[in-house]
Protein backbone atom coordinates (compact mmCIF):
# COMPACT_ATOMS: atom_id res chain seq x y z
CA MET A 1 -3.35 -15.94 0.22
CA ALA A 2 -1.84 -12.65 1.30
CA THR A 3 -1.47 -13.97 4.84
CA GLN A 4 0.76 -16.76 3.55
CA GLN A 5 3.16 -14.43 1.71
CA PRO A 6 5.54 -14.03 4.70
CA ASN A 7 5.76 -17.83 4.95
CA MET A 8 6.60 -18.03 1.25
CA ASP A 9 9.26 -15.36 1.62
CA ALA A 10 10.81 -17.22 4.56
CA LEU A 11 10.86 -20.46 2.55
CA ASN A 12 12.54 -18.70 -0.36
CA LYS A 13 15.25 -17.30 1.91
CA ALA A 14 15.76 -20.69 3.58
CA GLY A 15 15.99 -22.38 0.19
CA LYS A 16 18.67 -19.95 -0.96
CA LYS A 17 20.69 -20.50 2.22
CA HIS A 18 20.21 -24.25 1.88
CA LYS A 19 21.56 -24.19 -1.68
CA ALA A 20 24.72 -22.45 -0.57
CA ASN A 21 25.44 -24.99 2.21
CA HIS A 22 25.29 -28.11 0.03
CA THR A 23 28.09 -29.01 -2.32
CA SER A 24 26.33 -31.85 -4.13
CA PRO A 25 25.39 -30.45 -7.56
CA GLU A 26 22.55 -32.92 -8.07
CA LEU A 27 21.01 -32.03 -4.71
CA VAL A 28 21.30 -28.33 -5.53
CA LYS A 29 19.66 -29.04 -8.90
CA LYS A 30 16.78 -30.92 -7.23
CA ILE A 31 16.27 -28.19 -4.65
CA SER A 32 16.35 -25.53 -7.35
CA SER A 33 13.84 -27.46 -9.46
CA LEU A 34 11.53 -27.98 -6.50
CA HIS A 35 11.82 -24.30 -5.61
CA LYS A 36 10.92 -23.23 -9.18
CA HIS A 37 7.92 -25.58 -9.24
CA TRP A 38 6.78 -24.24 -5.89
CA GLN A 39 7.11 -20.65 -7.11
CA LYS A 40 5.06 -21.42 -10.23
CA LEU A 41 2.38 -23.12 -8.14
CA TRP A 42 2.34 -20.19 -5.72
CA LEU A 43 1.99 -17.64 -8.50
CA ARG A 44 -0.74 -19.66 -10.23
CA SER A 45 -2.66 -20.04 -6.98
CA ASN A 46 -2.40 -16.29 -6.32
CA GLU A 47 -3.69 -15.55 -9.82
CA ARG A 48 -6.56 -18.02 -9.38
CA HIS A 49 -7.44 -16.44 -6.04
CA ARG A 50 -7.54 -13.01 -7.70
CA GLN A 51 -9.78 -14.34 -10.48
CA LEU A 52 -12.16 -15.89 -7.95
CA LEU A 53 -12.39 -12.63 -6.00
CA GLU A 54 -13.15 -10.73 -9.22
CA ALA A 55 -15.82 -13.27 -10.14
CA ARG A 56 -17.41 -12.99 -6.70
CA THR A 57 -17.46 -9.20 -6.97
CA ARG A 58 -19.01 -9.44 -10.43
CA LEU A 59 -21.71 -11.80 -9.13
CA LYS A 60 -22.48 -9.43 -6.25
CA ASP A 61 -22.79 -6.54 -8.71
CA ILE A 62 -25.17 -8.58 -10.86
CA ALA A 63 -27.30 -9.44 -7.82
CA VAL A 64 -27.46 -5.76 -6.85
CA ALA A 65 -28.38 -4.81 -10.41
CA ARG A 66 -31.19 -7.38 -10.47
CA SER A 67 -32.71 -5.96 -7.32
CA PHE A 68 -32.35 -2.36 -8.53
CA ASN A 69 -35.52 -0.32 -8.10
CA PHE A 70 -35.51 2.98 -9.94
CA ASP A 71 -38.23 4.53 -7.79
CA ASN A 72 -36.29 3.85 -4.59
CA TRP A 73 -33.11 5.16 -6.15
CA LYS A 74 -34.93 8.28 -7.37
CA LYS A 75 -36.28 8.98 -3.87
CA ARG A 76 -32.82 8.56 -2.32
CA PHE A 77 -31.20 10.70 -4.98
CA LEU A 78 -33.74 13.51 -4.66
CA SER A 79 -33.35 13.37 -0.89
CA TRP A 80 -29.60 13.64 -1.28
CA VAL A 81 -29.97 16.62 -3.64
CA ASP A 82 -32.37 18.26 -1.19
CA GLN A 83 -29.98 17.71 1.73
CA GLN A 84 -27.12 19.20 -0.26
CA LYS A 85 -29.31 22.21 -1.18
CA LEU A 86 -28.25 21.91 -4.80
CA ARG A 87 -29.85 23.06 -7.99
CA VAL A 88 -29.71 20.63 -10.87
CA SER A 89 -27.29 22.89 -12.73
CA ASP A 90 -24.99 22.96 -9.67
CA LEU A 91 -25.26 19.21 -9.42
CA PHE A 92 -24.27 18.61 -13.02
CA ARG A 93 -21.44 21.14 -12.71
CA ARG A 94 -20.18 19.15 -9.72
CA PHE A 95 -20.49 15.88 -11.69
CA ASP A 96 -18.43 17.30 -14.58
CA SER A 97 -15.02 16.10 -13.40
CA ASN A 98 -12.95 17.50 -16.29
CA HIS A 99 -14.88 20.83 -16.32
CA ASP A 100 -15.45 20.85 -20.06
CA GLY A 101 -19.13 21.75 -19.76
CA MET A 102 -20.17 18.33 -21.05
CA LEU A 103 -21.26 15.50 -18.79
CA THR A 104 -20.23 12.14 -20.23
CA ARG A 105 -22.00 8.93 -19.36
CA GLU A 106 -18.94 7.75 -17.42
CA GLU A 107 -18.80 10.96 -15.40
CA PHE A 108 -22.50 10.70 -14.65
CA ILE A 109 -22.30 7.06 -13.54
CA LYS A 110 -19.18 7.70 -11.45
CA ALA A 111 -20.81 10.66 -9.72
CA LEU A 112 -24.02 8.73 -9.02
CA LYS A 113 -22.08 5.86 -7.51
CA ALA A 114 -20.09 8.27 -5.37
CA SER A 115 -23.28 9.92 -4.15
CA GLY A 116 -24.39 6.66 -2.53
């Protein structure tokens, strides 16, 4: 969809130039109507494309969640902590993004995702 945007922009510019060159009001009205319908279709197709991409991402996330193995994750996480030479207190301090001394669920999840 994004690759077609320059084509759409060029058509819009051509349509505007075309409107100015014709004196027939009914032809201008038809061109304007067709242009508006095309714009609506274009916008609806872009929105549908966005929805489909979101749905595909959601399905991929669900597939990853289904295959989640806590033991594997734990091994990777402990390896990461060991490589970073962190103590658990240092780790949680690093996870605390707003530095209020409390680690919220969101902060914890965000930090775990960022850790790989």
